[in-house]
Amino acid sequence: RRMKLAMQGNVIRALVELITNSDDSYGRIGKDKKNELVEILYKKDGYCGLFAVRDHAEGMSIQDVRKSFKKYGAATSGMDAGKTGRGYFGQGAKDALVSMLDGKICTFKENMFVECRLFFENNVPIYEISEPCLASSQLRSQHGIPSNGTIAYFRADPNRDVKVPRFDTVHEELATNHLLRKIMQNPMRKVILVDLDDSKKR
């Protein structure tokens, strides 16, 4: 109930949590360079909207993923070693993905790839972690991550009482969101919104 109330089917709230998570990941790396990139991907699929947030930060190993999801909902894979905490994937970001449709995290670290799906089953939050595999060039191309990094995906469906905002609305609301002000003003970050339907970038 808390997860659903926190998101209230709001795409912008979900994106804010995922963008903040990417910013946290860059902060833990502490690289001394500018334009650490956060990409927000937007695509229409009929009446639905497909969204993703991608970074090229630290990425997560299978151990990191297990730690992040320790005691979070139920594990269909039984992988539950480690300790909980904000860690590699924040609580708000996990709540955002499980509250939307088709929520999943795809992450690359040290040439390995791990995927974790999040969903409700019988009103219980569930996470399902895939076995790690080698990060092939095909996987890297599919997710747009050539080195370390993470991309989080979700679907917004108006039939599930989730309003699908227009591209211009997403741009305006993220650019003016008070919770993202420090990130947007940080010269070390470059945040881009991409419309995959026509390759428009802002």
N, C-alpha and C. Protein backbone atom coordinates (compact mmCIF):
# COMPACT_ATOMS: atom_id res chain seq x y z
N ARG A 1 0.83 -1.20 0.00
CA ARG A 1 0.00 0.00 0.00
C ARG A 1 0.87 1.25 0.00
N ARG A 2 1.93 1.23 0.81
CA ARG A 2 2.82 2.39 0.88
C ARG A 2 3.47 2.65 -0.47
N MET A 3 3.91 1.58 -1.15
CA MET A 3 4.55 1.73 -2.46
C MET A 3 3.61 2.38 -3.45
N LYS A 4 2.38 1.89 -3.50
CA LYS A 4 1.43 2.40 -4.47
C LYS A 4 1.04 3.85 -4.17
N LEU A 5 0.90 4.17 -2.88
CA LEU A 5 0.58 5.54 -2.51
C LEU A 5 1.73 6.49 -2.82
N ALA A 6 2.95 6.01 -2.66
CA ALA A 6 4.12 6.85 -2.91
C ALA A 6 4.19 7.26 -4.38
N MET A 7 3.86 6.36 -5.28
CA MET A 7 3.94 6.64 -6.71
C MET A 7 2.63 7.19 -7.28
N GLN A 8 1.50 6.67 -6.78
CA GLN A 8 0.17 7.08 -7.23
C GLN A 8 0.04 7.04 -8.76
N GLY A 9 0.69 6.05 -9.37
CA GLY A 9 0.61 5.91 -10.81
C GLY A 9 1.16 7.10 -11.58
N ASN A 10 2.09 7.83 -10.97
CA ASN A 10 2.61 9.06 -11.56
C ASN A 10 3.95 8.80 -12.23
N VAL A 11 3.99 8.94 -13.56
CA VAL A 11 5.21 8.67 -14.33
C VAL A 11 6.34 9.60 -13.92
N ILE A 12 6.04 10.87 -13.70
CA ILE A 12 7.09 11.83 -13.34
C ILE A 12 7.73 11.46 -12.01
N ARG A 13 6.93 11.07 -11.03
CA ARG A 13 7.50 10.65 -9.74
C ARG A 13 8.43 9.45 -9.93
N ALA A 14 8.00 8.51 -10.76
CA ALA A 14 8.84 7.33 -11.01
C ALA A 14 10.15 7.74 -11.66
N LEU A 15 10.10 8.61 -12.65
CA LEU A 15 11.32 9.05 -13.33
C LEU A 15 12.24 9.82 -12.38
N VAL A 16 11.67 10.64 -11.52
CA VAL A 16 12.49 11.39 -10.55
C VAL A 16 13.29 10.44 -9.67
N GLU A 17 12.65 9.37 -9.21
CA GLU A 17 13.35 8.40 -8.37
C GLU A 17 14.49 7.73 -9.13
N LEU A 18 14.24 7.38 -10.38
CA LEU A 18 15.26 6.68 -11.17
C LEU A 18 16.42 7.62 -11.54
N ILE A 19 16.11 8.87 -11.86
CA ILE A 19 17.16 9.85 -12.16
C ILE A 19 18.02 10.09 -10.92
N THR A 20 17.38 10.21 -9.77
CA THR A 20 18.11 10.40 -8.51
C THR A 20 19.02 9.21 -8.23
N ASN A 21 18.53 8.02 -8.55
CA ASN A 21 19.34 6.82 -8.35
C ASN A 21 20.60 6.85 -9.22
N SER A 22 20.45 7.27 -10.48
CA SER A 22 21.61 7.38 -11.36
C SER A 22 22.60 8.42 -10.85
N ASP A 23 22.07 9.53 -10.37
CA ASP A 23 22.94 10.57 -9.81
C ASP A 23 23.71 10.04 -8.61
N ASP A 24 23.05 9.27 -7.76
CA ASP A 24 23.72 8.66 -6.60
C ASP A 24 24.85 7.74 -7.05
N SER A 25 24.61 6.99 -8.12
CA SER A 25 25.62 6.05 -8.60
C SER A 25 26.85 6.79 -9.11
N TYR A 26 26.64 7.87 -9.84
CA TYR A 26 27.78 8.69 -10.27
C TYR A 26 28.51 9.27 -9.08
N GLY A 27 27.76 9.68 -8.06
CA GLY A 27 28.37 10.25 -6.87
C GLY A 27 29.26 9.27 -6.15
N ARG A 28 28.89 7.99 -6.15
CA ARG A 28 29.72 7.00 -5.47
C ARG A 28 31.02 6.73 -6.23
N ILE A 29 30.97 6.89 -7.56
CA ILE A 29 32.20 6.72 -8.35
C ILE A 29 33.17 7.85 -8.06
N GLY A 30 32.64 9.07 -8.00
CA GLY A 30 33.48 10.23 -7.70
C GLY A 30 34.44 10.57 -8.82
N LYS A 31 34.05 10.35 -10.07
CA LYS A 31 34.93 10.66 -11.19
C LYS A 31 35.12 12.17 -11.31
N ASP A 32 36.32 12.57 -11.66
CA ASP A 32 36.64 13.98 -11.83
C ASP A 32 36.51 14.35 -13.30
N LYS A 33 35.28 14.32 -13.80
CA LYS A 33 35.06 14.71 -15.19
C LYS A 33 33.66 15.28 -15.34
N LYS A 34 33.44 16.03 -16.39
CA LYS A 34 32.15 16.65 -16.61
C LYS A 34 31.26 15.76 -17.48
N ASN A 35 29.99 16.17 -17.53
CA ASN A 35 29.01 15.54 -18.43
C ASN A 35 28.81 14.05 -18.17
N GLU A 36 28.69 13.67 -16.90
CA GLU A 36 28.30 12.31 -16.58
C GLU A 36 26.84 12.17 -16.97
N LEU A 37 26.55 11.32 -17.93
CA LEU A 37 25.29 11.33 -18.67
C LEU A 37 24.19 10.51 -17.99
N VAL A 38 23.01 11.13 -17.88
CA VAL A 38 21.77 10.44 -17.50
C VAL A 38 20.80 10.65 -18.65
N GLU A 39 20.29 9.55 -19.21
CA GLU A 39 19.36 9.63 -20.34
C GLU A 39 17.98 9.13 -19.92
N ILE A 40 16.96 9.90 -20.25
CA ILE A 40 15.58 9.49 -20.04
C ILE A 40 15.00 9.17 -21.42
N LEU A 41 14.58 7.94 -21.62
CA LEU A 41 14.09 7.49 -22.92
C LEU A 41 12.56 7.42 -22.90
N TYR A 42 11.94 7.94 -23.97
CA TYR A 42 10.48 8.04 -24.07
C TYR A 42 10.03 7.42 -25.39
N LYS A 43 8.99 6.61 -25.33
CA LYS A 43 8.45 6.02 -26.56
C LYS A 43 6.98 5.69 -26.36
N LYS A 44 6.16 6.00 -27.35
CA LYS A 44 4.75 5.64 -27.28
C LYS A 44 4.56 4.24 -27.87
N ASP A 45 3.68 3.46 -27.25
CA ASP A 45 3.33 2.12 -27.73
C ASP A 45 1.81 2.01 -27.68
N GLY A 46 1.15 2.45 -28.77
CA GLY A 46 -0.30 2.57 -28.73
C GLY A 46 -0.69 3.65 -27.73
N TYR A 47 -1.58 3.30 -26.80
CA TYR A 47 -1.97 4.25 -25.76
C TYR A 47 -0.99 4.24 -24.59
N CYS A 48 -0.10 3.28 -24.56
CA CYS A 48 0.86 3.16 -23.46
C CYS A 48 2.10 4.02 -23.72
N GLY A 49 2.86 4.22 -22.67
CA GLY A 49 4.14 4.89 -22.79
C GLY A 49 5.23 3.99 -22.25
N LEU A 50 6.34 3.90 -22.98
CA LEU A 50 7.50 3.13 -22.53
C LEU A 50 8.56 4.12 -22.07
N PHE A 51 9.11 3.88 -20.89
CA PHE A 51 10.08 4.80 -20.31
C PHE A 51 11.31 4.04 -19.83
N ALA A 52 12.44 4.71 -19.86
CA ALA A 52 13.67 4.13 -19.31
C ALA A 52 14.58 5.24 -18.85
N VAL A 53 15.41 4.93 -17.86
CA VAL A 53 16.46 5.85 -17.39
C VAL A 53 17.77 5.10 -17.42
N ARG A 54 18.74 5.66 -18.14
CA ARG A 54 20.02 4.98 -18.36
C ARG A 54 21.18 5.83 -17.87
N ASP A 55 22.13 5.16 -17.20
CA ASP A 55 23.37 5.84 -16.82
C ASP A 55 24.56 5.00 -17.25
N HIS A 56 25.72 5.59 -17.13
CA HIS A 56 26.97 4.91 -17.46
C HIS A 56 27.90 5.01 -16.25
N ALA A 57 27.32 4.69 -15.10
CA ALA A 57 28.02 4.85 -13.83
C ALA A 57 28.64 3.52 -13.39
N GLU A 58 28.42 3.12 -12.14
CA GLU A 58 29.15 1.97 -11.60
C GLU A 58 28.61 0.62 -12.03
N GLY A 59 27.31 0.54 -12.38
CA GLY A 59 26.73 -0.76 -12.68
C GLY A 59 26.63 -1.60 -11.42
N MET A 60 26.04 -2.79 -11.54
CA MET A 60 25.87 -3.68 -10.39
C MET A 60 26.27 -5.10 -10.74
N SER A 61 27.00 -5.72 -9.84
CA SER A 61 27.30 -7.15 -9.97
C SER A 61 26.10 -7.93 -9.44
N ILE A 62 26.11 -9.24 -9.60
CA ILE A 62 25.03 -10.06 -9.06
C ILE A 62 24.96 -9.92 -7.54
N GLN A 63 26.13 -9.77 -6.89
CA GLN A 63 26.14 -9.58 -5.43
C GLN A 63 25.49 -8.25 -5.05
N ASP A 64 25.78 -7.20 -5.85
CA ASP A 64 25.18 -5.90 -5.58
C ASP A 64 23.66 -5.95 -5.72
N VAL A 65 23.18 -6.65 -6.76
CA VAL A 65 21.74 -6.76 -6.98
C VAL A 65 21.09 -7.51 -5.82
N ARG A 66 21.69 -8.58 -5.39
CA ARG A 66 21.14 -9.34 -4.26
C ARG A 66 21.07 -8.49 -3.01
N LYS A 67 22.13 -7.72 -2.75
CA LYS A 67 22.14 -6.85 -1.57
C LYS A 67 21.04 -5.80 -1.65
N SER A 68 20.86 -5.23 -2.84
CA SER A 68 19.86 -4.17 -3.01
C SER A 68 18.45 -4.66 -2.77
N PHE A 69 18.19 -5.94 -3.04
CA PHE A 69 16.82 -6.45 -2.95
C PHE A 69 16.60 -7.35 -1.74
N LYS A 70 17.58 -7.41 -0.87
CA LYS A 70 17.42 -8.16 0.37
C LYS A 70 16.20 -7.65 1.13
N LYS A 71 15.28 -8.55 1.46
CA LYS A 71 14.07 -8.24 2.23
C LYS A 71 13.12 -7.31 1.49
N TYR A 72 13.30 -7.16 0.18
CA TYR A 72 12.36 -6.33 -0.60
C TYR A 72 11.37 -7.26 -1.26
N GLY A 73 10.15 -7.29 -0.77
CA GLY A 73 9.15 -8.17 -1.34
C GLY A 73 9.57 -9.62 -1.20
N ALA A 74 9.24 -10.43 -2.18
CA ALA A 74 9.56 -11.85 -2.18
C ALA A 74 10.45 -12.17 -3.36
N ALA A 75 11.42 -13.05 -3.16
CA ALA A 75 12.35 -13.42 -4.24
C ALA A 75 11.90 -14.71 -4.88
N THR A 76 11.53 -14.66 -6.16
CA THR A 76 11.11 -15.88 -6.83
C THR A 76 12.31 -16.78 -7.10
N SER A 77 13.51 -16.18 -7.14
CA SER A 77 14.70 -16.97 -7.44
C SER A 77 15.36 -17.52 -6.18
N GLY A 78 14.95 -17.04 -5.03
CA GLY A 78 15.56 -17.47 -3.78
C GLY A 78 16.90 -16.81 -3.50
N MET A 79 17.32 -15.88 -4.34
CA MET A 79 18.59 -15.19 -4.11
C MET A 79 18.36 -14.06 -3.12
N ASP A 80 18.76 -14.25 -1.88
CA ASP A 80 18.46 -13.23 -0.88
C ASP A 80 19.62 -13.00 0.08
N ALA A 81 20.86 -13.23 -0.38
CA ALA A 81 22.01 -12.96 0.47
C ALA A 81 22.30 -11.47 0.48
N GLY A 82 22.92 -10.98 1.58
CA GLY A 82 23.33 -9.58 1.65
C GLY A 82 22.50 -8.80 2.64
N LYS A 83 22.70 -7.48 2.66
CA LYS A 83 22.02 -6.60 3.60
C LYS A 83 21.25 -5.53 2.84
N THR A 84 20.18 -5.03 3.50
CA THR A 84 19.37 -4.02 2.86
C THR A 84 19.96 -2.63 3.09
N GLY A 85 19.36 -1.64 2.43
CA GLY A 85 19.83 -0.27 2.56
C GLY A 85 19.66 0.44 1.23
N ARG A 86 19.94 1.76 1.20
CA ARG A 86 19.80 2.48 -0.07
C ARG A 86 20.71 1.87 -1.11
N GLY A 87 21.97 1.64 -0.74
CA GLY A 87 22.88 0.85 -1.55
C GLY A 87 22.91 1.22 -3.02
N TYR A 88 22.96 0.20 -3.86
CA TYR A 88 23.14 0.41 -5.29
C TYR A 88 21.85 0.79 -6.00
N PHE A 89 20.72 0.42 -5.44
CA PHE A 89 19.45 0.77 -6.08
C PHE A 89 18.49 1.20 -4.99
N GLY A 90 18.14 2.50 -4.99
CA GLY A 90 17.40 3.09 -3.88
C GLY A 90 15.99 2.56 -3.72
N GLN A 91 15.48 2.68 -2.50
CA GLN A 91 14.13 2.20 -2.18
C GLN A 91 13.08 2.84 -3.08
N GLY A 92 13.19 4.15 -3.27
CA GLY A 92 12.21 4.84 -4.10
C GLY A 92 12.22 4.34 -5.53
N ALA A 93 13.42 4.06 -6.05
CA ALA A 93 13.53 3.55 -7.42
C ALA A 93 12.90 2.17 -7.54
N LYS A 94 13.10 1.33 -6.55
CA LYS A 94 12.48 0.00 -6.57
C LYS A 94 10.95 0.11 -6.50
N ASP A 95 10.47 1.01 -5.63
CA ASP A 95 9.03 1.22 -5.51
C ASP A 95 8.44 1.72 -6.83
N ALA A 96 9.18 2.60 -7.51
CA ALA A 96 8.71 3.14 -8.79
C ALA A 96 8.53 2.02 -9.81
N LEU A 97 9.50 1.13 -9.90
CA LEU A 97 9.44 0.06 -10.91
C LEU A 97 8.37 -0.97 -10.58
N VAL A 98 8.24 -1.34 -9.33
CA VAL A 98 7.26 -2.37 -8.98
C VAL A 98 5.84 -1.83 -9.11
N SER A 99 5.67 -0.51 -9.01
CA SER A 99 4.34 0.09 -9.07
C SER A 99 3.87 0.30 -10.51
N MET A 100 4.80 0.26 -11.46
CA MET A 100 4.44 0.38 -12.87
C MET A 100 4.40 -1.02 -13.50
N LEU A 101 4.11 -1.09 -14.79
CA LEU A 101 4.11 -2.37 -15.49
C LEU A 101 5.49 -2.66 -16.09
N ASP A 102 5.82 -3.93 -16.16
CA ASP A 102 7.05 -4.39 -16.83
C ASP A 102 8.30 -3.71 -16.27
N GLY A 103 8.32 -3.45 -14.98
CA GLY A 103 9.49 -2.83 -14.37
C GLY A 103 10.67 -3.78 -14.34
N LYS A 104 11.81 -3.32 -14.79
CA LYS A 104 13.00 -4.16 -14.73
C LYS A 104 14.26 -3.31 -14.74
N ILE A 105 15.33 -3.89 -14.21
CA ILE A 105 16.65 -3.27 -14.19
C ILE A 105 17.59 -4.16 -14.98
N CYS A 106 18.33 -3.56 -15.89
CA CYS A 106 19.36 -4.28 -16.63
C CYS A 106 20.68 -3.58 -16.35
N THR A 107 21.67 -4.33 -15.89
CA THR A 107 22.89 -3.69 -15.41
C THR A 107 24.14 -4.44 -15.86
N PHE A 108 25.18 -3.68 -16.15
CA PHE A 108 26.45 -4.21 -16.62
C PHE A 108 27.56 -3.79 -15.66
N LYS A 109 28.38 -4.75 -15.29
CA LYS A 109 29.55 -4.44 -14.46
C LYS A 109 30.65 -5.47 -14.73
N GLU A 110 31.84 -4.95 -15.06
CA GLU A 110 33.01 -5.81 -15.27
C GLU A 110 32.70 -6.95 -16.25
N ASN A 111 32.09 -6.57 -17.35
CA ASN A 111 31.80 -7.48 -18.46
C ASN A 111 30.78 -8.57 -18.13
N MET A 112 29.97 -8.34 -17.07
CA MET A 112 28.87 -9.25 -16.75
C MET A 112 27.55 -8.49 -16.82
N PHE A 113 26.48 -9.22 -17.14
CA PHE A 113 25.15 -8.64 -17.27
C PHE A 113 24.18 -9.35 -16.33
N VAL A 114 23.33 -8.54 -15.64
CA VAL A 114 22.30 -9.08 -14.75
C VAL A 114 21.00 -8.33 -15.02
N GLU A 115 19.89 -9.07 -14.99
CA GLU A 115 18.57 -8.45 -15.14
C GLU A 115 17.72 -8.80 -13.93
N CYS A 116 16.96 -7.82 -13.46
CA CYS A 116 16.05 -8.04 -12.33
C CYS A 116 14.69 -7.45 -12.67
N ARG A 117 13.65 -8.28 -12.63
CA ARG A 117 12.28 -7.85 -12.87
C ARG A 117 11.57 -7.59 -11.55
N LEU A 118 10.69 -6.57 -11.56
CA LEU A 118 9.91 -6.24 -10.37
C LEU A 118 8.44 -6.16 -10.73
N PHE A 119 7.58 -6.77 -9.90
CA PHE A 119 6.16 -6.78 -10.22
C PHE A 119 5.36 -7.17 -8.98
N PHE A 120 4.05 -6.93 -9.04
CA PHE A 120 3.15 -7.38 -7.98
C PHE A 120 2.52 -8.70 -8.41
N GLU A 121 2.42 -9.61 -7.45
CA GLU A 121 1.73 -10.88 -7.67
C GLU A 121 0.86 -11.14 -6.45
N ASN A 122 -0.47 -11.20 -6.68
CA ASN A 122 -1.41 -11.33 -5.56
C ASN A 122 -1.19 -10.23 -4.53
N ASN A 123 -0.92 -9.01 -5.05
CA ASN A 123 -0.74 -7.81 -4.24
C ASN A 123 0.51 -7.86 -3.36
N VAL A 124 1.45 -8.74 -3.72
CA VAL A 124 2.72 -8.83 -3.01
C VAL A 124 3.84 -8.40 -3.96
N PRO A 125 4.74 -7.49 -3.53
CA PRO A 125 5.85 -7.11 -4.41
C PRO A 125 6.85 -8.24 -4.57
N ILE A 126 7.20 -8.52 -5.81
CA ILE A 126 8.08 -9.63 -6.14
C ILE A 126 9.29 -9.11 -6.91
N TYR A 127 10.46 -9.67 -6.65
CA TYR A 127 11.59 -9.41 -7.54
C TYR A 127 12.13 -10.76 -8.02
N GLU A 128 12.61 -10.75 -9.27
CA GLU A 128 13.09 -11.97 -9.91
C GLU A 128 14.43 -11.64 -10.57
N ILE A 129 15.49 -12.25 -10.08
CA ILE A 129 16.84 -11.96 -10.56
C ILE A 129 17.30 -13.07 -11.51
N SER A 130 17.77 -12.65 -12.68
CA SER A 130 18.29 -13.62 -13.63
C SER A 130 19.69 -14.06 -13.20
N GLU A 131 20.13 -15.19 -13.71
CA GLU A 131 21.52 -15.58 -13.51
C GLU A 131 22.42 -14.65 -14.32
N PRO A 132 23.57 -14.26 -13.79
CA PRO A 132 24.47 -13.38 -14.55
C PRO A 132 25.00 -14.08 -15.79
N CYS A 133 25.27 -13.30 -16.82
CA CYS A 133 25.86 -13.85 -18.04
C CYS A 133 26.87 -12.85 -18.60
N LEU A 134 27.67 -13.30 -19.53
CA LEU A 134 28.65 -12.42 -20.15
C LEU A 134 27.94 -11.30 -20.90
N ALA A 135 28.48 -10.10 -20.79
CA ALA A 135 27.90 -8.94 -21.45
C ALA A 135 28.31 -8.94 -22.92
N SER A 136 27.51 -9.56 -23.74
CA SER A 136 27.82 -9.66 -25.17
C SER A 136 27.63 -8.31 -25.85
N SER A 137 28.20 -8.17 -27.04
CA SER A 137 28.02 -6.95 -27.80
C SER A 137 26.56 -6.75 -28.16
N GLN A 138 25.83 -7.85 -28.36
CA GLN A 138 24.40 -7.75 -28.67
C GLN A 138 23.62 -7.16 -27.49
N LEU A 139 23.91 -7.64 -26.28
CA LEU A 139 23.25 -7.10 -25.09
C LEU A 139 23.60 -5.64 -24.89
N ARG A 140 24.87 -5.30 -25.08
CA ARG A 140 25.30 -3.90 -24.90
C ARG A 140 24.61 -2.99 -25.91
N SER A 141 24.50 -3.46 -27.15
CA SER A 141 23.82 -2.68 -28.18
C SER A 141 22.33 -2.53 -27.88
N GLN A 142 21.72 -3.61 -27.42
CA GLN A 142 20.29 -3.60 -27.10
C GLN A 142 19.95 -2.57 -26.03
N HIS A 143 20.82 -2.45 -25.01
CA HIS A 143 20.54 -1.56 -23.88
C HIS A 143 21.30 -0.24 -23.96
N GLY A 144 22.21 -0.10 -24.92
CA GLY A 144 22.91 1.16 -25.11
C GLY A 144 23.93 1.47 -24.05
N ILE A 145 24.60 0.44 -23.52
CA ILE A 145 25.60 0.64 -22.46
C ILE A 145 26.89 -0.06 -22.88
N PRO A 146 27.89 0.68 -23.35
CA PRO A 146 29.13 0.06 -23.85
C PRO A 146 30.10 -0.39 -22.77
N SER A 147 29.96 0.12 -21.54
CA SER A 147 30.87 -0.26 -20.46
C SER A 147 30.03 -0.59 -19.22
N ASN A 148 30.39 -0.06 -18.05
CA ASN A 148 29.56 -0.24 -16.87
C ASN A 148 28.37 0.70 -16.92
N GLY A 149 27.27 0.30 -16.29
CA GLY A 149 26.11 1.17 -16.24
C GLY A 149 24.82 0.38 -16.01
N THR A 150 23.73 1.12 -15.85
CA THR A 150 22.44 0.52 -15.53
C THR A 150 21.33 1.23 -16.29
N ILE A 151 20.35 0.47 -16.74
CA ILE A 151 19.15 1.05 -17.34
C ILE A 151 17.93 0.42 -16.68
N ALA A 152 16.97 1.26 -16.31
CA ALA A 152 15.73 0.81 -15.68
C ALA A 152 14.57 1.11 -16.61
N TYR A 153 13.70 0.12 -16.84
CA TYR A 153 12.59 0.24 -17.77
C TYR A 153 11.25 0.11 -17.03
N PHE A 154 10.23 0.80 -17.56
CA PHE A 154 8.86 0.52 -17.11
C PHE A 154 7.87 0.97 -18.19
N ARG A 155 6.65 0.45 -18.07
CA ARG A 155 5.56 0.78 -18.99
C ARG A 155 4.46 1.49 -18.21
N ALA A 156 3.93 2.56 -18.79
CA ALA A 156 2.78 3.26 -18.22
C ALA A 156 1.55 2.94 -19.06
N ASP A 157 0.51 2.41 -18.42
CA ASP A 157 -0.68 1.95 -19.15
C ASP A 157 -1.91 2.71 -18.64
N PRO A 158 -2.57 3.49 -19.49
CA PRO A 158 -3.76 4.24 -19.04
C PRO A 158 -4.89 3.33 -18.58
N ASN A 159 -4.91 2.08 -19.03
CA ASN A 159 -5.92 1.13 -18.56
C ASN A 159 -5.68 0.69 -17.13
N ARG A 160 -4.51 1.03 -16.59
CA ARG A 160 -4.20 0.74 -15.18
C ARG A 160 -4.20 2.03 -14.37
N ASP A 161 -4.96 3.01 -14.81
CA ASP A 161 -5.09 4.31 -14.10
C ASP A 161 -3.76 5.05 -14.01
N VAL A 162 -2.93 4.92 -15.03
CA VAL A 162 -1.67 5.66 -15.09
C VAL A 162 -1.75 6.61 -16.28
N LYS A 163 -1.65 7.90 -16.02
CA LYS A 163 -1.70 8.89 -17.09
C LYS A 163 -0.37 8.88 -17.83
N VAL A 164 -0.43 8.81 -19.16
CA VAL A 164 0.78 8.81 -19.99
C VAL A 164 1.02 10.24 -20.48
N PRO A 165 2.02 10.92 -19.93
CA PRO A 165 2.25 12.31 -20.33
C PRO A 165 2.86 12.42 -21.72
N ARG A 166 2.61 13.55 -22.39
CA ARG A 166 3.23 13.82 -23.67
C ARG A 166 4.72 14.11 -23.46
N PHE A 167 5.49 13.99 -24.53
CA PHE A 167 6.93 14.24 -24.47
C PHE A 167 7.22 15.64 -23.94
N ASP A 168 6.51 16.64 -24.45
CA ASP A 168 6.73 18.02 -24.00
C ASP A 168 6.43 18.17 -22.51
N THR A 169 5.42 17.46 -22.03
CA THR A 169 5.07 17.53 -20.61
C THR A 169 6.16 16.90 -19.75
N VAL A 170 6.69 15.77 -20.19
CA VAL A 170 7.78 15.12 -19.45
C VAL A 170 8.97 16.08 -19.36
N HIS A 171 9.31 16.70 -20.48
CA HIS A 171 10.43 17.65 -20.50
C HIS A 171 10.22 18.79 -19.51
N GLU A 172 9.05 19.41 -19.57
CA GLU A 172 8.77 20.56 -18.71
C GLU A 172 8.77 20.18 -17.23
N GLU A 173 8.13 19.06 -16.91
CA GLU A 173 8.00 18.70 -15.49
C GLU A 173 9.32 18.24 -14.89
N LEU A 174 10.16 17.55 -15.67
CA LEU A 174 11.47 17.15 -15.15
C LEU A 174 12.39 18.36 -15.02
N ALA A 175 12.34 19.25 -16.00
CA ALA A 175 13.23 20.42 -15.99
C ALA A 175 12.93 21.35 -14.82
N THR A 176 11.69 21.36 -14.35
CA THR A 176 11.30 22.29 -13.29
C THR A 176 11.05 21.59 -11.95
N ASN A 177 11.30 20.29 -11.88
CA ASN A 177 11.01 19.55 -10.65
C ASN A 177 11.98 19.96 -9.54
N HIS A 178 11.43 20.36 -8.40
CA HIS A 178 12.29 20.88 -7.32
C HIS A 178 13.21 19.80 -6.75
N LEU A 179 12.79 18.53 -6.83
CA LEU A 179 13.62 17.45 -6.29
C LEU A 179 14.85 17.18 -7.16
N LEU A 180 14.80 17.64 -8.41
CA LEU A 180 15.92 17.42 -9.33
C LEU A 180 16.78 18.67 -9.51
N ARG A 181 16.46 19.73 -8.78
CA ARG A 181 17.14 21.01 -9.02
C ARG A 181 18.66 20.90 -8.90
N LYS A 182 19.14 20.24 -7.86
CA LYS A 182 20.59 20.14 -7.66
C LYS A 182 21.25 19.32 -8.76
N ILE A 183 20.56 18.28 -9.21
CA ILE A 183 21.11 17.45 -10.29
C ILE A 183 21.18 18.25 -11.58
N MET A 184 20.09 18.96 -11.91
CA MET A 184 20.03 19.71 -13.16
C MET A 184 21.03 20.86 -13.19
N GLN A 185 21.38 21.38 -12.01
CA GLN A 185 22.32 22.50 -11.94
C GLN A 185 23.77 22.04 -11.73
N ASN A 186 23.97 20.74 -11.58
CA ASN A 186 25.31 20.21 -11.33
C ASN A 186 26.09 20.17 -12.64
N PRO A 187 27.22 20.92 -12.75
CA PRO A 187 27.99 20.92 -14.00
C PRO A 187 28.61 19.57 -14.33
N MET A 188 28.64 18.64 -13.35
CA MET A 188 29.19 17.30 -13.60
C MET A 188 28.17 16.37 -14.25
N ARG A 189 26.91 16.81 -14.34
CA ARG A 189 25.87 15.96 -14.90
C ARG A 189 25.35 16.54 -16.22
N LYS A 190 25.00 15.64 -17.12
CA LYS A 190 24.33 16.01 -18.35
C LYS A 190 23.09 15.14 -18.46
N VAL A 191 21.91 15.74 -18.36
CA VAL A 191 20.65 15.00 -18.35
C VAL A 191 19.93 15.26 -19.67
N ILE A 192 19.62 14.20 -20.41
CA ILE A 192 19.01 14.32 -21.73
C ILE A 192 17.72 13.50 -21.78
N LEU A 193 16.67 14.11 -22.34
CA LEU A 193 15.41 13.42 -22.60
C LEU A 193 15.36 13.10 -24.09
N VAL A 194 15.14 11.83 -24.42
CA VAL A 194 15.18 11.37 -25.81
C VAL A 194 13.82 10.79 -26.21
N ASP A 195 13.26 11.30 -27.30
CA ASP A 195 12.04 10.74 -27.87
C ASP A 195 12.46 9.70 -28.91
N LEU A 196 12.30 8.43 -28.59
CA LEU A 196 12.75 7.36 -29.48
C LEU A 196 11.89 7.26 -30.74
N ASP A 197 10.71 7.88 -30.73
CA ASP A 197 9.85 7.80 -31.91
C ASP A 197 10.38 8.66 -33.06
N ASP A 198 11.05 9.77 -32.74
CA ASP A 198 11.57 10.62 -33.81
C ASP A 198 13.00 11.12 -33.53
N SER A 199 13.67 10.50 -32.55
CA SER A 199 15.07 10.81 -32.23
C SER A 199 15.25 12.26 -31.75
N LYS A 200 14.19 12.86 -31.26
CA LYS A 200 14.27 14.23 -30.73
C LYS A 200 14.93 14.19 -29.35
N LYS A 201 15.85 15.15 -29.09
CA LYS A 201 16.56 15.19 -27.81
C LYS A 201 16.44 16.58 -27.19
N ARG A 202 16.30 16.59 -25.89
CA ARG A 202 16.27 17.88 -25.17
C ARG A 202 17.08 17.76 -23.90
